[in-house]
């Protein structure tokens, strides 16, 4: 959501992402969005703060992003429901799987904020958890690179793109696109994950509609 800015929200970026998601939703795809908060705060960058305090700030950052995203959907005359992992008055509904499924069946776009609600768990794990709770078919993870590489393509020019990889191979290679807690949970419940570059225009629809776009973990 920070787009070309160094932090915060870039309106042009959030407008593009919202428009792409809304186009897919209007085609009949049910969508739940797990929002990160790195554009406001990255706990790992503050070495003097206790980890659980940093994670609390990070979770609040995801709530800020969820408000901005929901507001953009409403601006586009679409219904978006925010579910939070903790009680935050007036902002959203505390997550309940039955309520979330009812909302998505009523054609609302779901936005999940606050991660899992617990410290030490990443947004990746929150995404897998919420996907399982609403019976999602697939998780798509937007990143800044084209998929899964055998090493960091930003640092290494000879990094190789991996189009398909099993959960076991991902774990054994100790790849870093998603944390191993999230991967292990997805593996246990056979939930496929697609990784793609969200920074390119039209990439969200391609990730959903084109089988060979991005990388698949399954």
N, C-alpha and C. Protein backbone atom coordinates (compact mmCIF):
# COMPACT_ATOMS: atom_id res chain seq x y z
N UNK A 1 0.80 -1.22 0.00
CA UNK A 1 0.00 0.00 0.00
C UNK A 1 0.84 1.27 0.00
N UNK A 2 2.12 1.15 0.30
CA UNK A 2 2.95 2.36 0.31
C UNK A 2 3.33 2.80 -1.10
N UNK A 3 3.09 1.94 -2.10
CA UNK A 3 3.39 2.32 -3.48
C UNK A 3 4.81 2.79 -3.64
N UNK A 4 4.97 3.97 -4.18
CA UNK A 4 6.30 4.53 -4.41
C UNK A 4 6.80 5.36 -3.22
N UNK A 5 5.97 5.45 -2.19
CA UNK A 5 6.37 6.22 -1.01
C UNK A 5 7.28 5.38 -0.13
N UNK A 6 7.99 6.02 0.79
CA UNK A 6 8.89 5.30 1.69
C UNK A 6 8.15 4.71 2.88
N UNK A 7 6.94 5.21 3.17
CA UNK A 7 6.11 4.67 4.24
C UNK A 7 4.70 5.20 4.06
N UNK A 8 3.77 4.68 4.87
CA UNK A 8 2.40 5.17 4.81
C UNK A 8 1.63 4.62 3.62
N UNK A 9 0.59 5.32 3.22
CA UNK A 9 -0.30 4.86 2.16
C UNK A 9 -0.19 5.77 0.94
N UNK A 10 0.00 5.16 -0.20
CA UNK A 10 0.00 5.86 -1.48
C UNK A 10 -1.38 5.66 -2.09
N UNK A 11 -2.13 6.74 -2.25
CA UNK A 11 -3.51 6.62 -2.72
C UNK A 11 -3.60 5.93 -4.07
N UNK A 12 -2.66 6.21 -4.97
CA UNK A 12 -2.72 5.59 -6.30
C UNK A 12 -2.53 4.08 -6.20
N UNK A 13 -1.69 3.63 -5.26
CA UNK A 13 -1.46 2.20 -5.09
C UNK A 13 -2.70 1.51 -4.53
N UNK A 14 -3.30 2.10 -3.50
CA UNK A 14 -4.47 1.47 -2.90
C UNK A 14 -5.66 1.51 -3.86
N UNK A 15 -5.73 2.56 -4.69
CA UNK A 15 -6.80 2.64 -5.68
C UNK A 15 -6.66 1.55 -6.74
N UNK A 16 -5.43 1.30 -7.18
CA UNK A 16 -5.20 0.25 -8.18
C UNK A 16 -5.54 -1.13 -7.61
N UNK A 17 -5.06 -1.40 -6.41
CA UNK A 17 -5.32 -2.71 -5.79
C UNK A 17 -6.81 -2.91 -5.57
N UNK A 18 -7.50 -1.89 -5.07
CA UNK A 18 -8.94 -1.98 -4.81
C UNK A 18 -9.70 -2.22 -6.11
N UNK A 19 -9.33 -1.50 -7.17
CA UNK A 19 -10.01 -1.65 -8.46
C UNK A 19 -9.85 -3.05 -9.01
N UNK A 20 -8.63 -3.61 -8.90
CA UNK A 20 -8.39 -4.96 -9.41
C UNK A 20 -9.18 -6.00 -8.61
N UNK A 21 -9.19 -5.83 -7.29
CA UNK A 21 -9.94 -6.77 -6.45
C UNK A 21 -11.43 -6.68 -6.73
N UNK A 22 -11.92 -5.47 -6.91
CA UNK A 22 -13.34 -5.28 -7.17
C UNK A 22 -13.74 -5.88 -8.51
N UNK A 23 -12.89 -5.76 -9.51
CA UNK A 23 -13.16 -6.36 -10.81
C UNK A 23 -13.30 -7.88 -10.70
N UNK A 24 -12.40 -8.49 -9.93
CA UNK A 24 -12.45 -9.94 -9.72
C UNK A 24 -13.72 -10.32 -8.96
N UNK A 25 -14.02 -9.53 -7.93
CA UNK A 25 -15.21 -9.79 -7.13
C UNK A 25 -16.48 -9.71 -7.97
N UNK A 26 -16.52 -8.73 -8.86
CA UNK A 26 -17.69 -8.58 -9.74
C UNK A 26 -17.82 -9.72 -10.73
N UNK A 27 -16.72 -10.46 -10.95
CA UNK A 27 -16.77 -11.65 -11.81
C UNK A 27 -17.26 -12.88 -11.06
N UNK A 28 -17.58 -12.72 -9.77
CA UNK A 28 -18.14 -13.82 -9.00
C UNK A 28 -17.16 -14.53 -8.08
N UNK A 29 -15.94 -13.98 -7.94
CA UNK A 29 -14.96 -14.59 -7.04
C UNK A 29 -15.17 -14.06 -5.63
N UNK A 30 -15.27 -14.98 -4.66
CA UNK A 30 -15.40 -14.56 -3.26
C UNK A 30 -14.00 -14.26 -2.69
N UNK A 31 -13.89 -13.12 -2.01
CA UNK A 31 -12.56 -12.63 -1.61
C UNK A 31 -12.51 -12.31 -0.11
N UNK A 32 -11.47 -12.81 0.53
CA UNK A 32 -11.11 -12.38 1.88
C UNK A 32 -9.69 -11.85 1.82
N UNK A 33 -9.45 -10.68 2.37
CA UNK A 33 -8.15 -10.02 2.28
C UNK A 33 -7.52 -9.94 3.66
N UNK A 34 -6.33 -10.48 3.79
CA UNK A 34 -5.55 -10.32 5.03
C UNK A 34 -4.55 -9.20 4.81
N UNK A 35 -4.64 -8.18 5.64
CA UNK A 35 -3.86 -6.97 5.44
C UNK A 35 -2.63 -6.97 6.33
N UNK A 36 -1.48 -6.60 5.75
CA UNK A 36 -0.26 -6.43 6.52
C UNK A 36 -0.13 -5.00 7.02
N UNK A 37 0.99 -4.71 7.69
CA UNK A 37 1.19 -3.36 8.22
C UNK A 37 2.60 -2.84 8.11
N UNK A 38 3.40 -3.51 7.28
CA UNK A 38 4.80 -3.13 7.17
C UNK A 38 5.03 -1.72 6.65
N UNK A 39 4.05 -1.20 5.90
CA UNK A 39 4.21 0.16 5.38
C UNK A 39 4.15 1.21 6.48
N UNK A 40 3.59 0.85 7.64
CA UNK A 40 3.58 1.77 8.78
C UNK A 40 4.65 1.43 9.81
N UNK A 41 4.83 0.13 10.05
CA UNK A 41 5.75 -0.24 11.13
C UNK A 41 6.30 -1.64 10.90
N UNK A 42 7.57 -1.77 11.03
CA UNK A 42 8.20 -3.09 10.97
C UNK A 42 8.90 -3.33 12.31
N UNK A 43 8.29 -4.20 13.12
CA UNK A 43 8.79 -4.44 14.47
C UNK A 43 10.24 -4.86 14.50
N UNK A 44 10.67 -5.60 13.49
CA UNK A 44 12.04 -6.11 13.48
C UNK A 44 13.07 -4.98 13.41
N UNK A 45 12.65 -3.80 12.97
CA UNK A 45 13.59 -2.69 12.82
C UNK A 45 13.87 -1.98 14.13
N UNK A 46 13.07 -2.28 15.15
CA UNK A 46 13.25 -1.64 16.45
C UNK A 46 13.81 -2.66 17.44
N UNK A 47 15.11 -2.72 17.54
CA UNK A 47 15.76 -3.75 18.34
C UNK A 47 15.63 -3.52 19.84
N UNK A 48 15.27 -2.31 20.26
CA UNK A 48 15.19 -2.01 21.69
C UNK A 48 13.81 -2.29 22.27
N UNK A 49 12.84 -2.52 21.45
CA UNK A 49 11.47 -2.75 21.92
C UNK A 49 11.24 -4.24 22.14
N UNK A 50 10.50 -4.58 23.18
CA UNK A 50 10.12 -5.96 23.41
C UNK A 50 9.32 -6.48 22.22
N UNK A 51 9.56 -7.74 21.86
CA UNK A 51 8.94 -8.29 20.66
C UNK A 51 7.42 -8.20 20.70
N UNK A 52 6.82 -8.55 21.85
CA UNK A 52 5.36 -8.54 21.88
C UNK A 52 4.79 -7.12 21.80
N UNK A 53 5.55 -6.13 22.29
CA UNK A 53 5.12 -4.74 22.15
C UNK A 53 5.21 -4.30 20.69
N UNK A 54 6.30 -4.69 20.02
CA UNK A 54 6.46 -4.36 18.60
C UNK A 54 5.35 -5.02 17.78
N UNK A 55 5.02 -6.27 18.12
CA UNK A 55 3.97 -6.97 17.38
C UNK A 55 2.61 -6.32 17.60
N UNK A 56 2.35 -5.80 18.80
CA UNK A 56 1.10 -5.07 19.05
C UNK A 56 1.00 -3.85 18.14
N UNK A 57 2.12 -3.11 18.00
CA UNK A 57 2.12 -1.95 17.11
C UNK A 57 1.89 -2.39 15.67
N UNK A 58 2.54 -3.49 15.27
CA UNK A 58 2.36 -4.00 13.92
C UNK A 58 0.92 -4.39 13.65
N UNK A 59 0.26 -5.01 14.63
CA UNK A 59 -1.14 -5.40 14.45
C UNK A 59 -2.04 -4.18 14.30
N UNK A 60 -1.74 -3.12 15.06
CA UNK A 60 -2.51 -1.88 14.92
C UNK A 60 -2.29 -1.25 13.55
N UNK A 61 -1.09 -1.39 13.01
CA UNK A 61 -0.81 -0.87 11.67
C UNK A 61 -1.69 -1.57 10.63
N UNK A 62 -1.92 -2.86 10.80
CA UNK A 62 -2.79 -3.57 9.85
C UNK A 62 -4.22 -3.07 9.94
N UNK A 63 -4.63 -2.64 11.12
CA UNK A 63 -5.97 -2.08 11.29
C UNK A 63 -6.09 -0.76 10.52
N UNK A 64 -5.05 0.06 10.60
CA UNK A 64 -5.06 1.32 9.84
C UNK A 64 -5.21 1.05 8.34
N UNK A 65 -4.46 0.07 7.86
CA UNK A 65 -4.55 -0.27 6.44
C UNK A 65 -5.93 -0.80 6.08
N UNK A 66 -6.53 -1.56 6.97
CA UNK A 66 -7.86 -2.12 6.68
C UNK A 66 -8.90 -1.02 6.56
N UNK A 67 -8.77 0.01 7.39
CA UNK A 67 -9.71 1.14 7.31
C UNK A 67 -9.58 1.84 5.96
N UNK A 68 -8.35 2.08 5.55
CA UNK A 68 -8.11 2.75 4.26
C UNK A 68 -8.65 1.92 3.10
N UNK A 69 -8.44 0.61 3.17
CA UNK A 69 -8.91 -0.27 2.09
C UNK A 69 -10.43 -0.34 2.05
N UNK A 70 -11.06 -0.48 3.21
CA UNK A 70 -12.52 -0.53 3.27
C UNK A 70 -13.13 0.77 2.78
N UNK A 71 -12.50 1.88 3.14
CA UNK A 71 -13.00 3.18 2.69
C UNK A 71 -12.94 3.30 1.17
N UNK A 72 -11.88 2.77 0.57
CA UNK A 72 -11.74 2.82 -0.88
C UNK A 72 -12.81 1.96 -1.55
N UNK A 73 -13.11 0.79 -0.98
CA UNK A 73 -14.17 -0.05 -1.54
C UNK A 73 -15.53 0.65 -1.45
N UNK A 74 -15.78 1.30 -0.33
CA UNK A 74 -17.05 2.02 -0.18
C UNK A 74 -17.15 3.16 -1.17
N UNK A 75 -16.01 3.82 -1.42
CA UNK A 75 -15.96 4.89 -2.42
C UNK A 75 -16.33 4.35 -3.80
N UNK A 76 -16.03 3.07 -4.03
CA UNK A 76 -16.35 2.41 -5.29
C UNK A 76 -17.71 1.70 -5.26
N UNK A 77 -18.51 2.05 -4.25
CA UNK A 77 -19.88 1.51 -4.10
C UNK A 77 -19.90 0.00 -3.91
N UNK A 78 -18.94 -0.51 -3.16
CA UNK A 78 -18.90 -1.93 -2.85
C UNK A 78 -18.93 -2.13 -1.34
N UNK A 79 -19.48 -3.26 -0.92
CA UNK A 79 -19.59 -3.56 0.51
C UNK A 79 -18.32 -4.27 0.98
N UNK A 80 -17.69 -3.74 2.01
CA UNK A 80 -16.51 -4.37 2.60
C UNK A 80 -16.71 -4.45 4.11
N UNK A 81 -16.49 -5.62 4.67
CA UNK A 81 -16.65 -5.83 6.10
C UNK A 81 -15.29 -6.10 6.73
N UNK A 82 -14.94 -5.30 7.74
CA UNK A 82 -13.67 -5.49 8.45
C UNK A 82 -13.88 -6.43 9.64
N UNK A 83 -13.06 -7.46 9.70
CA UNK A 83 -13.01 -8.34 10.87
C UNK A 83 -11.67 -8.12 11.56
N UNK A 84 -11.71 -7.89 12.85
CA UNK A 84 -10.48 -7.68 13.61
C UNK A 84 -10.23 -8.89 14.52
N UNK A 85 -8.96 -9.11 14.84
CA UNK A 85 -8.61 -10.24 15.70
C UNK A 85 -8.87 -9.93 17.18
N UNK A 86 -8.94 -8.64 17.50
CA UNK A 86 -9.25 -8.20 18.85
C UNK A 86 -10.37 -7.17 18.79
N UNK A 87 -11.02 -6.93 19.91
CA UNK A 87 -12.11 -5.96 19.94
C UNK A 87 -11.56 -4.55 19.79
N UNK A 88 -11.99 -3.88 18.73
CA UNK A 88 -11.62 -2.47 18.51
C UNK A 88 -12.91 -1.74 18.17
N UNK A 89 -13.44 -1.03 19.15
CA UNK A 89 -14.76 -0.42 19.03
C UNK A 89 -14.89 0.44 17.78
N UNK A 90 -16.03 0.28 17.10
CA UNK A 90 -16.43 1.10 15.96
C UNK A 90 -15.69 0.81 14.66
N UNK A 91 -14.63 0.02 14.69
CA UNK A 91 -13.84 -0.19 13.48
C UNK A 91 -14.26 -1.44 12.73
N UNK A 92 -14.46 -2.53 13.44
CA UNK A 92 -14.81 -3.77 12.77
C UNK A 92 -15.45 -4.75 13.73
N UNK A 93 -15.76 -5.92 13.21
CA UNK A 93 -16.36 -7.00 13.98
C UNK A 93 -15.26 -7.95 14.41
N UNK A 94 -15.27 -8.37 15.67
CA UNK A 94 -14.29 -9.37 16.10
C UNK A 94 -14.52 -10.64 15.29
N UNK A 95 -13.43 -11.22 14.77
CA UNK A 95 -13.57 -12.34 13.84
C UNK A 95 -14.34 -13.50 14.44
N UNK A 96 -15.29 -13.97 13.63
CA UNK A 96 -16.07 -15.17 13.93
C UNK A 96 -16.28 -15.88 12.60
N UNK A 97 -15.87 -17.13 12.51
CA UNK A 97 -15.90 -17.83 11.23
C UNK A 97 -17.30 -17.91 10.64
N UNK A 98 -18.27 -18.20 11.47
CA UNK A 98 -19.65 -18.32 10.97
C UNK A 98 -20.14 -16.99 10.41
N UNK A 99 -19.86 -15.90 11.12
CA UNK A 99 -20.25 -14.57 10.66
C UNK A 99 -19.52 -14.21 9.37
N UNK A 100 -18.24 -14.53 9.30
CA UNK A 100 -17.45 -14.21 8.10
C UNK A 100 -17.99 -14.95 6.88
N UNK A 101 -18.30 -16.23 7.04
CA UNK A 101 -18.83 -17.02 5.93
C UNK A 101 -20.18 -16.46 5.49
N UNK A 102 -21.00 -16.06 6.46
CA UNK A 102 -22.30 -15.46 6.13
C UNK A 102 -22.12 -14.17 5.33
N UNK A 103 -21.15 -13.36 5.72
CA UNK A 103 -20.90 -12.09 5.02
C UNK A 103 -20.40 -12.33 3.60
N UNK A 104 -19.50 -13.29 3.45
CA UNK A 104 -18.95 -13.54 2.11
C UNK A 104 -20.02 -14.13 1.20
N UNK A 105 -20.93 -14.91 1.75
CA UNK A 105 -22.04 -15.46 0.96
C UNK A 105 -23.05 -14.38 0.60
N UNK A 106 -23.02 -13.27 1.34
CA UNK A 106 -23.89 -12.12 1.04
C UNK A 106 -23.21 -11.15 0.10
N UNK A 107 -22.10 -11.58 -0.52
CA UNK A 107 -21.36 -10.84 -1.53
C UNK A 107 -20.56 -9.67 -0.99
N UNK A 108 -20.24 -9.71 0.30
CA UNK A 108 -19.34 -8.69 0.85
C UNK A 108 -17.89 -9.11 0.62
N UNK A 109 -17.02 -8.13 0.47
CA UNK A 109 -15.59 -8.38 0.47
C UNK A 109 -15.13 -8.35 1.92
N UNK A 110 -14.39 -9.37 2.36
CA UNK A 110 -13.95 -9.43 3.74
C UNK A 110 -12.53 -8.88 3.87
N UNK A 111 -12.30 -8.11 4.91
CA UNK A 111 -10.96 -7.60 5.21
C UNK A 111 -10.61 -8.03 6.63
N UNK A 112 -9.52 -8.78 6.75
CA UNK A 112 -9.10 -9.30 8.05
C UNK A 112 -7.92 -8.49 8.58
N UNK A 113 -8.11 -7.86 9.72
CA UNK A 113 -7.08 -6.99 10.30
C UNK A 113 -6.62 -7.54 11.65
N UNK A 114 -5.43 -7.15 12.04
CA UNK A 114 -4.93 -7.50 13.36
C UNK A 114 -4.18 -8.80 13.43
N UNK A 115 -3.85 -9.37 12.28
CA UNK A 115 -3.13 -10.64 12.27
C UNK A 115 -3.91 -11.73 12.97
N UNK A 116 -3.22 -12.57 13.74
CA UNK A 116 -3.90 -13.61 14.52
C UNK A 116 -4.39 -13.07 15.86
N UNK A 117 -3.93 -11.86 16.21
CA UNK A 117 -4.26 -11.30 17.52
C UNK A 117 -3.25 -11.66 18.57
N UNK A 118 -2.24 -12.43 18.20
CA UNK A 118 -1.22 -12.89 19.14
C UNK A 118 0.17 -12.47 18.67
N UNK A 119 1.07 -12.14 19.60
CA UNK A 119 2.45 -11.84 19.21
C UNK A 119 3.16 -13.08 18.70
N UNK A 120 4.25 -12.88 17.99
CA UNK A 120 5.12 -13.95 17.48
C UNK A 120 4.55 -14.69 16.27
N UNK A 121 3.35 -14.31 15.81
CA UNK A 121 2.79 -14.93 14.61
C UNK A 121 2.71 -13.88 13.50
N UNK A 122 3.12 -14.27 12.30
CA UNK A 122 3.18 -13.34 11.19
C UNK A 122 1.85 -13.19 10.48
N UNK A 123 1.80 -12.20 9.58
CA UNK A 123 0.62 -12.04 8.73
C UNK A 123 0.44 -13.25 7.83
N UNK A 124 1.53 -13.90 7.44
CA UNK A 124 1.43 -15.13 6.64
C UNK A 124 0.61 -16.18 7.36
N UNK A 125 0.90 -16.39 8.63
CA UNK A 125 0.16 -17.38 9.41
C UNK A 125 -1.30 -16.96 9.55
N UNK A 126 -1.54 -15.66 9.74
CA UNK A 126 -2.91 -15.16 9.83
C UNK A 126 -3.68 -15.44 8.54
N UNK A 127 -3.00 -15.28 7.41
CA UNK A 127 -3.64 -15.52 6.11
C UNK A 127 -4.07 -16.98 5.96
N UNK A 128 -3.18 -17.90 6.32
CA UNK A 128 -3.51 -19.32 6.22
C UNK A 128 -4.63 -19.66 7.19
N UNK A 129 -4.55 -19.15 8.40
CA UNK A 129 -5.57 -19.42 9.42
C UNK A 129 -6.95 -18.94 8.97
N UNK A 130 -7.03 -17.71 8.51
CA UNK A 130 -8.34 -17.18 8.08
C UNK A 130 -8.85 -17.93 6.84
N UNK A 131 -7.94 -18.28 5.94
CA UNK A 131 -8.35 -19.04 4.75
C UNK A 131 -8.98 -20.36 5.13
N UNK A 132 -8.38 -21.04 6.09
CA UNK A 132 -8.93 -22.32 6.54
C UNK A 132 -10.27 -22.12 7.23
N UNK A 133 -10.38 -21.05 8.00
CA UNK A 133 -11.61 -20.81 8.76
C UNK A 133 -12.80 -20.45 7.87
N UNK A 134 -12.54 -19.86 6.71
CA UNK A 134 -13.66 -19.52 5.81
C UNK A 134 -13.76 -20.49 4.64
N UNK A 135 -13.00 -21.60 4.71
CA UNK A 135 -13.04 -22.64 3.66
C UNK A 135 -12.61 -22.12 2.30
N UNK A 136 -11.55 -21.32 2.27
CA UNK A 136 -11.05 -20.78 1.00
C UNK A 136 -10.44 -21.89 0.15
N UNK A 137 -10.46 -21.69 -1.16
CA UNK A 137 -9.89 -22.67 -2.10
C UNK A 137 -8.38 -22.50 -2.24
N UNK A 138 -7.91 -21.27 -2.09
CA UNK A 138 -6.49 -20.99 -2.32
C UNK A 138 -6.12 -19.70 -1.60
N UNK A 139 -4.85 -19.59 -1.23
CA UNK A 139 -4.29 -18.33 -0.73
C UNK A 139 -3.39 -17.76 -1.80
N UNK A 140 -3.58 -16.48 -2.12
CA UNK A 140 -2.64 -15.82 -3.03
C UNK A 140 -1.89 -14.75 -2.23
N UNK A 141 -0.57 -14.81 -2.32
CA UNK A 141 0.27 -13.88 -1.56
C UNK A 141 0.96 -12.91 -2.50
N UNK A 142 0.63 -11.64 -2.38
CA UNK A 142 1.27 -10.62 -3.19
C UNK A 142 2.59 -10.20 -2.59
N UNK A 143 3.64 -10.21 -3.40
CA UNK A 143 4.97 -9.80 -2.96
C UNK A 143 5.55 -8.78 -3.93
N UNK A 144 6.82 -8.47 -3.77
CA UNK A 144 7.49 -7.52 -4.67
C UNK A 144 8.31 -8.22 -5.73
N UNK A 145 8.27 -9.57 -5.77
CA UNK A 145 8.98 -10.34 -6.81
C UNK A 145 7.99 -11.26 -7.51
N UNK A 146 8.43 -11.89 -8.61
CA UNK A 146 7.51 -12.60 -9.49
C UNK A 146 7.04 -13.96 -8.99
N UNK A 147 7.59 -14.44 -7.90
CA UNK A 147 7.19 -15.74 -7.37
C UNK A 147 8.20 -16.24 -6.36
N UNK A 148 8.37 -17.55 -6.31
CA UNK A 148 9.31 -18.16 -5.38
C UNK A 148 10.64 -18.40 -6.08
N UNK A 149 11.71 -17.94 -5.47
CA UNK A 149 13.06 -18.12 -6.02
C UNK A 149 13.88 -19.00 -5.07
N UNK A 150 14.93 -19.61 -5.62
CA UNK A 150 15.79 -20.45 -4.80
C UNK A 150 16.66 -19.63 -3.86
N UNK A 151 16.79 -18.32 -4.15
CA UNK A 151 17.44 -17.37 -3.25
C UNK A 151 16.93 -15.97 -3.58
N UNK A 152 17.24 -15.03 -2.75
CA UNK A 152 16.69 -13.68 -2.89
C UNK A 152 17.08 -13.06 -4.23
N UNK A 153 16.11 -12.83 -5.13
CA UNK A 153 16.43 -12.26 -6.45
C UNK A 153 16.86 -10.80 -6.38
N UNK A 154 16.54 -10.13 -5.28
CA UNK A 154 16.97 -8.74 -5.12
C UNK A 154 18.48 -8.69 -4.86
N UNK A 155 18.99 -9.70 -4.16
CA UNK A 155 20.41 -9.73 -3.82
C UNK A 155 21.24 -10.50 -4.84
N UNK A 156 20.64 -11.51 -5.49
CA UNK A 156 21.39 -12.42 -6.35
C UNK A 156 20.81 -12.43 -7.77
N UNK A 157 21.60 -12.00 -8.73
CA UNK A 157 21.13 -11.94 -10.12
C UNK A 157 20.94 -13.32 -10.73
N UNK A 158 21.57 -14.35 -10.15
CA UNK A 158 21.45 -15.71 -10.70
C UNK A 158 20.37 -16.53 -9.99
N UNK A 159 19.51 -15.85 -9.23
CA UNK A 159 18.41 -16.56 -8.56
C UNK A 159 17.46 -17.15 -9.60
N UNK A 160 16.99 -18.36 -9.35
CA UNK A 160 16.10 -19.06 -10.28
C UNK A 160 14.66 -19.08 -9.77
N UNK A 161 13.73 -18.76 -10.67
CA UNK A 161 12.31 -18.78 -10.34
C UNK A 161 11.82 -20.22 -10.31
N UNK A 162 11.12 -20.58 -9.24
CA UNK A 162 10.54 -21.91 -9.10
C UNK A 162 9.03 -21.80 -9.33
N UNK A 163 8.54 -22.41 -10.38
CA UNK A 163 7.12 -22.27 -10.73
C UNK A 163 6.22 -23.13 -9.84
N UNK A 164 6.69 -24.34 -9.51
CA UNK A 164 5.90 -25.23 -8.65
C UNK A 164 6.82 -25.91 -7.66
N UNK A 165 6.36 -26.02 -6.43
CA UNK A 165 7.16 -26.68 -5.40
C UNK A 165 6.21 -27.30 -4.38
N UNK A 166 6.60 -28.44 -3.84
CA UNK A 166 5.78 -29.09 -2.81
C UNK A 166 6.05 -28.43 -1.46
N UNK A 167 5.12 -28.62 -0.53
CA UNK A 167 5.33 -28.11 0.82
C UNK A 167 6.60 -28.69 1.42
N UNK A 168 6.82 -29.98 1.23
CA UNK A 168 7.99 -30.63 1.81
C UNK A 168 9.29 -30.04 1.26
N UNK A 169 9.34 -29.82 -0.06
CA UNK A 169 10.55 -29.25 -0.66
C UNK A 169 10.77 -27.81 -0.20
N UNK A 170 9.67 -27.07 -0.08
CA UNK A 170 9.78 -25.69 0.41
C UNK A 170 10.41 -25.68 1.80
N UNK A 171 9.92 -26.57 2.66
CA UNK A 171 10.42 -26.63 4.03
C UNK A 171 11.88 -27.09 4.06
N UNK A 172 12.20 -28.12 3.28
CA UNK A 172 13.57 -28.65 3.30
C UNK A 172 14.58 -27.65 2.76
N UNK A 173 14.16 -26.82 1.79
CA UNK A 173 15.04 -25.80 1.22
C UNK A 173 15.10 -24.53 2.08
N UNK A 174 14.22 -24.49 3.10
CA UNK A 174 14.18 -23.35 4.02
C UNK A 174 14.02 -22.03 3.26
N UNK A 175 13.08 -22.00 2.33
CA UNK A 175 12.83 -20.79 1.55
C UNK A 175 12.13 -19.74 2.42
N UNK A 176 12.19 -18.49 1.99
CA UNK A 176 11.82 -17.39 2.88
C UNK A 176 10.60 -16.58 2.43
N UNK A 177 9.91 -17.01 1.39
CA UNK A 177 8.78 -16.21 0.91
C UNK A 177 7.67 -16.15 1.95
N UNK A 178 7.39 -17.28 2.59
CA UNK A 178 6.43 -17.34 3.69
C UNK A 178 7.08 -18.08 4.85
N UNK A 179 6.69 -17.74 6.07
CA UNK A 179 7.34 -18.39 7.20
C UNK A 179 6.88 -19.84 7.34
N UNK A 180 7.69 -20.62 8.01
CA UNK A 180 7.47 -22.07 8.06
C UNK A 180 6.24 -22.45 8.89
N UNK A 181 5.83 -21.61 9.83
CA UNK A 181 4.59 -21.89 10.57
C UNK A 181 3.40 -21.87 9.63
N UNK A 182 3.35 -20.85 8.77
CA UNK A 182 2.26 -20.75 7.79
C UNK A 182 2.30 -21.91 6.81
N UNK A 183 3.49 -22.25 6.32
CA UNK A 183 3.62 -23.34 5.35
C UNK A 183 3.21 -24.67 5.97
N UNK A 184 3.61 -24.92 7.19
CA UNK A 184 3.27 -26.18 7.86
C UNK A 184 1.77 -26.31 8.07
N UNK A 185 1.12 -25.21 8.40
CA UNK A 185 -0.33 -25.24 8.59
C UNK A 185 -1.05 -25.49 7.26
N UNK A 186 -0.60 -24.83 6.20
CA UNK A 186 -1.19 -25.05 4.88
C UNK A 186 -0.97 -26.49 4.42
N UNK A 187 0.22 -27.02 4.69
CA UNK A 187 0.51 -28.40 4.31
C UNK A 187 -0.43 -29.38 4.99
N UNK A 188 -0.66 -29.17 6.28
CA UNK A 188 -1.51 -30.10 7.05
C UNK A 188 -2.91 -30.19 6.48
N UNK A 189 -3.41 -29.07 5.95
CA UNK A 189 -4.79 -29.04 5.45
C UNK A 189 -4.87 -28.96 3.92
N UNK A 190 -3.74 -29.21 3.26
CA UNK A 190 -3.70 -29.28 1.79
C UNK A 190 -4.25 -28.01 1.14
N UNK A 191 -3.85 -26.87 1.66
CA UNK A 191 -4.30 -25.58 1.14
C UNK A 191 -3.23 -25.00 0.22
N UNK A 192 -3.48 -24.92 -1.08
CA UNK A 192 -2.46 -24.40 -2.00
C UNK A 192 -2.23 -22.90 -1.82
N UNK A 193 -1.00 -22.49 -2.13
CA UNK A 193 -0.62 -21.08 -2.03
C UNK A 193 0.00 -20.64 -3.35
N UNK A 194 -0.45 -19.51 -3.86
CA UNK A 194 0.16 -18.92 -5.05
C UNK A 194 0.88 -17.64 -4.64
N UNK A 195 2.11 -17.49 -5.11
CA UNK A 195 2.93 -16.30 -4.82
C UNK A 195 3.15 -15.53 -6.11
N UNK A 196 2.94 -14.22 -6.08
CA UNK A 196 3.06 -13.42 -7.31
C UNK A 196 3.48 -12.00 -6.97
N UNK A 197 3.82 -11.24 -8.00
CA UNK A 197 4.25 -9.85 -7.84
C UNK A 197 3.03 -8.94 -7.91
N UNK A 198 2.67 -8.36 -6.78
CA UNK A 198 1.46 -7.54 -6.71
C UNK A 198 1.69 -6.11 -7.22
N UNK A 199 2.95 -5.75 -7.44
CA UNK A 199 3.26 -4.37 -7.82
C UNK A 199 2.97 -4.06 -9.28
N UNK A 200 2.77 -5.10 -10.09
CA UNK A 200 2.48 -4.89 -11.51
C UNK A 200 0.98 -4.79 -11.75
N UNK A 201 0.58 -3.84 -12.57
CA UNK A 201 -0.83 -3.65 -12.87
C UNK A 201 -1.44 -4.91 -13.50
N UNK A 202 -2.60 -5.29 -13.03
CA UNK A 202 -3.30 -6.46 -13.56
C UNK A 202 -2.86 -7.79 -12.98
N UNK A 203 -1.89 -7.75 -12.07
CA UNK A 203 -1.31 -9.01 -11.59
C UNK A 203 -2.25 -9.79 -10.68
N UNK A 204 -3.13 -9.12 -9.96
CA UNK A 204 -4.03 -9.84 -9.05
C UNK A 204 -4.99 -10.72 -9.85
N UNK A 205 -5.56 -10.18 -10.91
CA UNK A 205 -6.47 -10.98 -11.74
C UNK A 205 -5.72 -12.13 -12.41
N UNK A 206 -4.51 -11.88 -12.87
CA UNK A 206 -3.72 -12.94 -13.49
C UNK A 206 -3.43 -14.05 -12.48
N UNK A 207 -3.14 -13.67 -11.24
CA UNK A 207 -2.84 -14.66 -10.21
C UNK A 207 -4.01 -15.60 -9.97
N UNK A 208 -5.22 -15.06 -10.10
CA UNK A 208 -6.42 -15.87 -9.88
C UNK A 208 -6.84 -16.63 -11.13
N UNK A 209 -6.71 -16.00 -12.28
CA UNK A 209 -7.29 -16.57 -13.50
C UNK A 209 -6.30 -17.36 -14.37
N UNK A 210 -4.99 -17.12 -14.20
CA UNK A 210 -4.01 -17.80 -15.05
C UNK A 210 -3.21 -18.81 -14.23
N UNK A 211 -3.36 -20.07 -14.58
CA UNK A 211 -2.76 -21.15 -13.81
C UNK A 211 -1.25 -21.03 -13.68
N UNK A 212 -0.58 -20.62 -14.74
CA UNK A 212 0.89 -20.60 -14.76
C UNK A 212 1.50 -19.27 -14.35
N UNK A 213 0.67 -18.35 -13.86
CA UNK A 213 1.18 -17.05 -13.43
C UNK A 213 1.67 -17.16 -11.99
N UNK A 214 2.89 -16.67 -11.72
CA UNK A 214 3.44 -16.76 -10.39
C UNK A 214 3.94 -18.15 -10.06
N UNK A 215 4.04 -18.44 -8.78
CA UNK A 215 4.53 -19.74 -8.30
C UNK A 215 3.50 -20.39 -7.38
N UNK A 216 3.45 -21.71 -7.41
CA UNK A 216 2.50 -22.47 -6.59
C UNK A 216 3.23 -23.35 -5.59
N UNK A 217 2.76 -23.31 -4.33
CA UNK A 217 3.18 -24.27 -3.31
C UNK A 217 1.99 -25.17 -3.04
N UNK A 218 2.17 -26.47 -3.17
CA UNK A 218 1.03 -27.38 -2.95
C UNK A 218 1.53 -28.76 -2.56
